[in-house]
Amino acid sequence: MAVNYEKVSETLKALAHPARLKMVAGLLKDECNVAQIQKVLGLPQSTISQHLRVLKNADIIEGRREANKTCYRVIDARVREIVNVIRKK
């Protein structure tokens, strides 16, 4: 199977921001919504939403509607591996 370097590059670009990397690391532990992410990171809701959009567009996370909230989780197995390697440092 050939490696899609453009797709890999887009994934790495999405992870390159510290806030997005923290979000992904947190989402690996547990699903959560914007309010929960905002509480942990201390960033404005609009900033959290922008970062989530980048991660969704890179197919790293997906959202699941739960009542009036959306719960996010990591869906890219490669990203799980990348973050786990980073945590070991």
Protein backbone atom coordinates (compact mmCIF):
# COMPACT_ATOMS: atom_id res chain seq x y z
CA MET A 1 0.00 0.00 0.00
CA ALA A 2 1.43 3.37 -1.03
CA VAL A 3 1.76 6.15 1.51
CA ASN A 4 -0.36 9.21 0.80
CA TYR A 5 2.21 11.83 1.77
CA GLU A 6 -0.18 14.71 1.15
CA LYS A 7 -2.68 13.26 3.63
CA VAL A 8 0.07 12.56 6.17
CA SER A 9 1.34 16.12 5.74
CA GLU A 10 -2.15 17.55 6.38
CA THR A 11 -2.46 15.43 9.51
CA LEU A 12 0.89 16.63 10.83
CA LYS A 13 0.00 20.26 10.06
CA ALA A 14 -3.21 19.90 12.03
CA LEU A 15 -1.28 18.50 15.00
CA ALA A 16 1.44 21.15 14.80
CA HIS A 17 -0.39 23.69 16.98
CA PRO A 18 0.16 23.21 20.74
CA ALA A 19 -3.52 23.72 21.61
CA ARG A 20 -4.67 21.17 19.03
CA LEU A 21 -2.06 18.69 20.20
CA LYS A 22 -3.29 19.12 23.80
CA MET A 23 -6.88 18.70 22.63
CA VAL A 24 -6.08 15.47 20.81
CA ALA A 25 -4.11 14.13 23.78
CA GLY A 26 -7.08 14.86 26.04
CA LEU A 27 -9.56 13.33 23.62
CA LEU A 28 -7.53 10.12 23.59
CA LYS A 29 -8.30 9.74 27.29
CA ASP A 30 -12.02 10.50 27.03
CA GLU A 31 -14.66 11.99 24.76
CA CYS A 32 -15.65 15.52 25.68
CA ASN A 33 -17.47 18.59 24.44
CA VAL A 34 -16.41 22.18 23.79
CA ALA A 35 -17.26 23.34 27.32
CA GLN A 36 -15.10 20.61 28.87
CA ILE A 37 -12.20 21.37 26.54
CA GLN A 38 -12.55 25.09 27.28
CA LYS A 39 -12.44 24.41 31.02
CA VAL A 40 -9.20 22.41 30.73
CA LEU A 41 -7.36 24.65 28.24
CA GLY A 42 -8.71 28.01 29.38
CA LEU A 43 -9.23 29.22 25.81
CA PRO A 44 -12.26 31.08 24.44
CA GLN A 45 -15.08 28.93 23.03
CA SER A 46 -14.58 30.42 19.56
CA THR A 47 -10.90 29.43 19.58
CA ILE A 48 -11.75 25.88 20.68
CA SER A 49 -14.32 25.63 17.89
CA GLN A 50 -11.78 26.81 15.29
CA HIS A 51 -9.25 24.21 16.43
CA LEU A 52 -11.90 21.48 16.41
CA ARG A 53 -12.80 22.44 12.84
CA VAL A 54 -9.16 22.02 11.76
CA LEU A 55 -8.98 18.60 13.44
CA LYS A 56 -12.28 17.51 11.88
CA ASN A 57 -11.22 18.66 8.41
CA ALA A 58 -8.04 16.60 8.78
CA ASP A 59 -10.17 13.54 9.70
CA ILE A 60 -8.47 13.29 13.09
CA ILE A 61 -11.62 13.62 15.19
CA GLU A 62 -15.35 13.26 14.77
CA GLY A 63 -18.28 14.63 16.70
CA ARG A 64 -21.27 12.76 18.05
CA ARG A 65 -24.45 14.63 18.99
CA GLU A 66 -25.65 14.05 22.52
CA ALA A 67 -28.76 16.10 23.35
CA ASN A 68 -27.69 19.72 22.74
CA LYS A 69 -23.93 19.00 22.91
CA THR A 70 -21.42 17.45 20.55
CA CYS A 71 -18.93 15.00 22.06
CA TYR A 72 -15.64 14.66 20.19
CA ARG A 73 -13.31 11.69 19.91
CA VAL A 74 -10.15 10.75 18.01
CA ILE A 75 -10.78 8.47 15.02
CA ASP A 76 -7.34 8.36 13.36
CA ALA A 77 -5.26 5.41 14.60
CA ARG A 78 -2.02 6.96 13.30
CA VAL A 79 -2.67 10.04 15.42
CA ARG A 80 -3.15 7.83 18.46
CA GLU A 81 0.27 6.31 17.83
CA ILE A 82 1.91 9.72 17.25
CA VAL A 83 0.54 11.17 20.49
CA ASN A 84 1.51 8.06 22.44
CA VAL A 85 5.07 8.35 21.14
CA ILE A 86 5.16 12.04 22.13
CA ARG A 87 3.92 11.18 25.64
CA LYS A 88 6.85 8.79 26.12
CA LYS A 89 9.37 11.64 25.78
